[in-house]
Amino acid sequence: MTTYQPPPWMSEWKSGPSGRLTALNGVGKLRLRSCVILRRDETEGRASVPKYLLQVNYTLEGINGLLAKGGSARKAAAQAAAKSAGGKVESFYFAFGSADAYVIGDFPDNAAAAAVALTVSASGGATVETTVLLTPDEIDKAAETTVKYRPPGS
């Protein structure tokens, strides 16, 4: 059985022998049965945070910076930015095509992912398009959900 390791932004938390998360405070331990920011991956049986795809396009200024310091420096900058927002870069790839780089990251919520995208875009060196990624289990749940909808003109 794999023991859940909380991400760095939950450094004050720990996982007990029962697998339940425990928050440490100045007085003692507080036992939690669930935590809103965690999702359950049914197929893997482990806790996870939401995943996002960030499609990055460099501006002329960003390309000049990339040429000056290299791709490894951009990956390190992305990792530092994600970490500062409570997230983690899972993968980082440069690419040919419609985007210059693709980053898959774990973030605690939409606000954290948006904060990184906004900060990067505001820097002037790149623009970011962010996509929320869904697990197969989430799509299964969506497919099983009954939605009442009336198409336009009907």
C-alpha atoms as a PDB file:
ATOM      1  CA  MET A   1       0.000   0.000   0.000  1.00  0.00           C
ATOM      2  CA  THR A   2       1.313   3.434  -0.962  1.00  0.00           C
ATOM      3  CA  THR A   3       1.406   6.044   1.781  1.00  0.00           C
ATOM      4  CA  TYR A   4       0.097   9.452   0.785  1.00  0.00           C
ATOM      5  CA  GLN A   5       2.729  12.188   0.969  1.00  0.00           C
ATOM      6  CA  PRO A   6       1.200  15.674   1.220  1.00  0.00           C
ATOM      7  CA  PRO A   7       2.500  18.293  -1.218  1.00  0.00           C
ATOM      8  CA  PRO A   8       4.886  20.979   0.091  1.00  0.00           C
ATOM      9  CA  TRP A   9       2.090  23.518   0.585  1.00  0.00           C
ATOM     10  CA  MET A  10       0.631  21.148   3.190  1.00  0.00           C
ATOM     11  CA  SER A  11       3.871  20.869   5.149  1.00  0.00           C
ATOM     12  CA  GLU A  12       2.026  21.218   8.436  1.00  0.00           C
ATOM     13  CA  TRP A  13       0.029  18.061   7.644  1.00  0.00           C
ATOM     14  CA  LYS A  14       1.023  14.432   7.941  1.00  0.00           C
ATOM     15  CA  SER A  15      -0.518  11.093   7.109  1.00  0.00           C
ATOM     16  CA  GLY A  16      -1.070   8.768  10.041  1.00  0.00           C
ATOM     17  CA  PRO A  17      -0.907   4.948  10.053  1.00  0.00           C
ATOM     18  CA  SER A  18      -4.608   4.759   9.210  1.00  0.00           C
ATOM     19  CA  GLY A  19      -4.025   6.814   6.068  1.00  0.00           C
ATOM     20  CA  ARG A  20      -6.038   9.714   7.469  1.00  0.00           C
ATOM     21  CA  LEU A  21      -4.550  13.163   7.205  1.00  0.00           C
ATOM     22  CA  THR A  22      -3.644  14.845  10.463  1.00  0.00           C
ATOM     23  CA  ALA A  23      -3.056  18.572  10.845  1.00  0.00           C
ATOM     24  CA  LEU A  24      -0.508  19.622  13.415  1.00  0.00           C
ATOM     25  CA  ASN A  25      -1.232  22.679  15.496  1.00  0.00           C
ATOM     26  CA  GLY A  26       0.419  24.282  18.530  1.00  0.00           C
ATOM     27  CA  VAL A  27      -1.669  22.279  21.000  1.00  0.00           C
ATOM     28  CA  GLY A  28      -1.865  18.817  19.506  1.00  0.00           C
ATOM     29  CA  LYS A  29      -3.313  16.904  16.592  1.00  0.00           C
ATOM     30  CA  LEU A  30      -6.534  17.593  14.757  1.00  0.00           C
ATOM     31  CA  ARG A  31      -7.951  14.564  12.934  1.00  0.00           C
ATOM     32  CA  LEU A  32      -9.710  15.158   9.638  1.00  0.00           C
ATOM     33  CA  ARG A  33     -11.899  12.672   7.810  1.00  0.00           C
ATOM     34  CA  SER A  34     -11.730  14.532   4.503  1.00  0.00           C
ATOM     35  CA  CYS A  35     -10.170  17.552   2.932  1.00  0.00           C
ATOM     36  CA  VAL A  36     -11.893  19.542   0.208  1.00  0.00           C
ATOM     37  CA  ILE A  37      -8.743  20.258  -1.783  1.00  0.00           C
ATOM     38  CA  LEU A  38      -7.925  16.586  -2.336  1.00  0.00           C
ATOM     39  CA  ARG A  39      -9.522  14.395  -4.977  1.00  0.00           C
ATOM     40  CA  ARG A  40      -9.746  10.627  -4.832  1.00  0.00           C
ATOM     41  CA  ASP A  41      -8.408   8.816  -7.875  1.00  0.00           C
ATOM     42  CA  GLU A  42     -10.633   5.733  -7.854  1.00  0.00           C
ATOM     43  CA  THR A  43      -8.414   3.665 -10.136  1.00  0.00           C
ATOM     44  CA  GLU A  44      -5.176   4.336  -8.286  1.00  0.00           C
ATOM     45  CA  GLY A  45      -6.597   4.536  -4.762  1.00  0.00           C
ATOM     46  CA  ARG A  46      -4.540   7.599  -3.900  1.00  0.00           C
ATOM     47  CA  ALA A  47      -5.224  11.228  -3.128  1.00  0.00           C
ATOM     48  CA  SER A  48      -4.327  13.744  -5.812  1.00  0.00           C
ATOM     49  CA  VAL A  49      -4.708  17.394  -6.625  1.00  0.00           C
ATOM     50  CA  PRO A  50      -6.194  18.749  -9.867  1.00  0.00           C
ATOM     51  CA  LYS A  51      -3.984  18.695 -12.961  1.00  0.00           C
ATOM     52  CA  TYR A  52      -3.667  21.485 -15.477  1.00  0.00           C
ATOM     53  CA  LEU A  53      -2.151  21.806 -18.941  1.00  0.00           C
ATOM     54  CA  LEU A  54      -0.416  25.135 -19.509  1.00  0.00           C
ATOM     55  CA  GLN A  55       0.328  25.934 -23.152  1.00  0.00           C
ATOM     56  CA  VAL A  56       3.029  28.583 -23.252  1.00  0.00           C
ATOM     57  CA  ASN A  57       3.857  30.890 -26.167  1.00  0.00           C
ATOM     58  CA  TYR A  58       6.958  33.041 -25.834  1.00  0.00           C
ATOM     59  CA  THR A  59       7.020  36.667 -26.934  1.00  0.00           C
ATOM     60  CA  LEU A  60      10.085  38.112 -28.671  1.00  0.00           C
ATOM     61  CA  GLU A  61      11.355  39.179 -25.232  1.00  0.00           C
ATOM     62  CA  GLY A  62      10.781  35.648 -23.901  1.00  0.00           C
ATOM     63  CA  ILE A  63      12.549  34.032 -26.845  1.00  0.00           C
ATOM     64  CA  ASN A  64      15.563  36.289 -26.317  1.00  0.00           C
ATOM     65  CA  GLY A  65      15.623  35.245 -22.644  1.00  0.00           C
ATOM     66  CA  LEU A  66      15.339  31.594 -23.644  1.00  0.00           C
ATOM     67  CA  LEU A  67      18.260  31.961 -26.058  1.00  0.00           C
ATOM     68  CA  ALA A  68      20.343  33.735 -23.411  1.00  0.00           C
ATOM     69  CA  LYS A  69      19.780  31.306 -20.511  1.00  0.00           C
ATOM     70  CA  GLY A  70      18.525  28.093 -22.114  1.00  0.00           C
ATOM     71  CA  GLY A  71      15.611  25.734 -21.668  1.00  0.00           C
ATOM     72  CA  SER A  72      16.693  24.369 -18.295  1.00  0.00           C
ATOM     73  CA  ALA A  73      16.423  27.865 -16.811  1.00  0.00           C
ATOM     74  CA  ARG A  74      12.826  28.150 -18.101  1.00  0.00           C
ATOM     75  CA  LYS A  75      11.937  24.771 -16.598  1.00  0.00           C
ATOM     76  CA  ALA A  76      13.451  25.832 -13.251  1.00  0.00           C
ATOM     77  CA  ALA A  77      11.497  29.118 -13.405  1.00  0.00           C
ATOM     78  CA  ALA A  78       8.267  27.210 -14.081  1.00  0.00           C
ATOM     79  CA  GLN A  79       8.952  24.858 -11.169  1.00  0.00           C
ATOM     80  CA  ALA A  80       9.628  27.789  -8.831  1.00  0.00           C
ATOM     81  CA  ALA A  81       6.471  29.611  -9.954  1.00  0.00           C
ATOM     82  CA  ALA A  82       4.318  26.500  -9.468  1.00  0.00           C
ATOM     83  CA  LYS A  83       5.816  25.820  -6.045  1.00  0.00           C
ATOM     84  CA  SER A  84       5.178  29.403  -4.908  1.00  0.00           C
ATOM     85  CA  ALA A  85       1.475  28.918  -5.705  1.00  0.00           C
ATOM     86  CA  GLY A  86       1.290  25.575  -3.888  1.00  0.00           C
ATOM     87  CA  GLY A  87       1.701  23.487  -7.012  1.00  0.00           C
ATOM     88  CA  LYS A  88       4.205  21.244  -8.716  1.00  0.00           C
ATOM     89  CA  VAL A  89       5.356  20.806 -12.312  1.00  0.00           C
ATOM     90  CA  GLU A  90       4.796  17.207 -13.382  1.00  0.00           C
ATOM     91  CA  SER A  91       6.292  17.621 -16.855  1.00  0.00           C
ATOM     92  CA  PHE A  92       7.718  20.391 -19.037  1.00  0.00           C
ATOM     93  CA  TYR A  93       8.315  20.081 -22.771  1.00  0.00           C
ATOM     94  CA  PHE A  94       9.289  22.479 -25.532  1.00  0.00           C
ATOM     95  CA  ALA A  95       7.512  21.819 -28.822  1.00  0.00           C
ATOM     96  CA  PHE A  96       7.084  22.689 -32.473  1.00  0.00           C
ATOM     97  CA  GLY A  97       3.615  23.792 -33.489  1.00  0.00           C
ATOM     98  CA  SER A  98       0.922  25.981 -31.985  1.00  0.00           C
ATOM     99  CA  ALA A  99       2.606  26.310 -28.566  1.00  0.00           C
ATOM    100  CA  ASP A 100       6.267  26.801 -27.668  1.00  0.00           C
ATOM    101  CA  ALA A 101       6.075  24.794 -24.447  1.00  0.00           C
ATOM    102  CA  TYR A 102       3.650  22.448 -22.701  1.00  0.00           C
ATOM    103  CA  VAL A 103       3.593  22.174 -18.926  1.00  0.00           C
ATOM    104  CA  ILE A 104       1.498  19.727 -16.913  1.00  0.00           C
ATOM    105  CA  GLY A 105       1.187  20.817 -13.329  1.00  0.00           C
ATOM    106  CA  ASP A 106      -0.622  19.937 -10.128  1.00  0.00           C
ATOM    107  CA  PHE A 107      -2.234  22.900  -8.371  1.00  0.00           C
ATOM    108  CA  PRO A 108      -4.455  22.971  -5.291  1.00  0.00           C
ATOM    109  CA  ASP A 109      -7.268  24.753  -7.144  1.00  0.00           C
ATOM    110  CA  ASN A 110      -8.232  26.883 -10.149  1.00  0.00           C
ATOM    111  CA  ALA A 111      -7.191  30.087  -8.379  1.00  0.00           C
ATOM    112  CA  ALA A 112      -3.611  28.840  -7.897  1.00  0.00           C
ATOM    113  CA  ALA A 113      -3.337  27.735 -11.537  1.00  0.00           C
ATOM    114  CA  ALA A 114      -4.794  31.059 -12.689  1.00  0.00           C
ATOM    115  CA  ALA A 115      -2.368  32.987 -10.458  1.00  0.00           C
ATOM    116  CA  VAL A 116       0.604  31.318 -12.155  1.00  0.00           C
ATOM    117  CA  ALA A 117      -0.826  31.870 -15.648  1.00  0.00           C
ATOM    118  CA  LEU A 118      -1.633  35.522 -14.908  1.00  0.00           C
ATOM    119  CA  THR A 119       1.798  36.188 -13.414  1.00  0.00           C
ATOM    120  CA  VAL A 120       3.636  34.596 -16.336  1.00  0.00           C
ATOM    121  CA  SER A 121       1.491  36.434 -18.888  1.00  0.00           C
ATOM    122  CA  ALA A 122       1.858  39.765 -17.030  1.00  0.00           C
ATOM    123  CA  SER A 123       5.654  39.411 -17.146  1.00  0.00           C
ATOM    124  CA  GLY A 124       5.588  40.094 -20.881  1.00  0.00           C
ATOM    125  CA  GLY A 125       7.840  37.152 -21.712  1.00  0.00           C
ATOM    126  CA  ALA A 126       5.100  34.668 -22.552  1.00  0.00           C
ATOM    127  CA  THR A 127       1.367  34.102 -22.771  1.00  0.00           C
ATOM    128  CA  VAL A 128      -0.301  31.103 -21.172  1.00  0.00           C
ATOM    129  CA  GLU A 129      -3.441  29.177 -22.086  1.00  0.00           C
ATOM    130  CA  THR A 130      -4.586  27.000 -19.180  1.00  0.00           C
ATOM    131  CA  THR A 131      -6.699  23.853 -19.519  1.00  0.00           C
ATOM    132  CA  VAL A 132      -8.142  21.891 -16.600  1.00  0.00           C
ATOM    133  CA  LEU A 133      -7.409  18.183 -17.112  1.00  0.00           C
ATOM    134  CA  LEU A 134      -9.960  15.544 -16.137  1.00  0.00           C
ATOM    135  CA  THR A 135      -9.342  11.950 -15.136  1.00  0.00           C
ATOM    136  CA  PRO A 136     -11.178   9.063 -16.831  1.00  0.00           C
ATOM    137  CA  ASP A 137     -13.120   8.580 -13.567  1.00  0.00           C
ATOM    138  CA  GLU A 138     -14.295  12.192 -13.694  1.00  0.00           C
ATOM    139  CA  ILE A 139     -15.511  11.717 -17.263  1.00  0.00           C
ATOM    140  CA  ASP A 140     -17.284   8.482 -16.227  1.00  0.00           C
ATOM    141  CA  LYS A 141     -19.025  10.403 -13.449  1.00  0.00           C
ATOM    142  CA  ALA A 142     -19.988  13.180 -15.896  1.00  0.00           C
ATOM    143  CA  ALA A 143     -21.342  10.642 -18.385  1.00  0.00           C
ATOM    144  CA  GLU A 144     -23.513   9.098 -15.658  1.00  0.00           C
ATOM    145  CA  THR A 145     -24.942  12.465 -14.602  1.00  0.00           C
ATOM    146  CA  THR A 146     -28.401  13.347 -15.924  1.00  0.00           C
ATOM    147  CA  VAL A 147     -28.568  16.891 -17.234  1.00  0.00           C
ATOM    148  CA  LYS A 148     -31.792  18.638 -18.231  1.00  0.00           C
ATOM    149  CA  TYR A 149     -31.084  20.706 -21.343  1.00  0.00           C
ATOM    150  CA  ARG A 150     -33.147  22.216 -24.132  1.00  0.00           C
ATOM    151  CA  PRO A 151     -31.237  23.086 -27.366  1.00  0.00           C
ATOM    152  CA  PRO A 152     -31.725  26.545 -28.887  1.00  0.00           C
ATOM    153  CA  GLY A 153     -34.799  26.815 -31.070  1.00  0.00           C
ATOM    154  CA  SER A 154     -36.582  23.809 -29.581  1.00  0.00           C
END
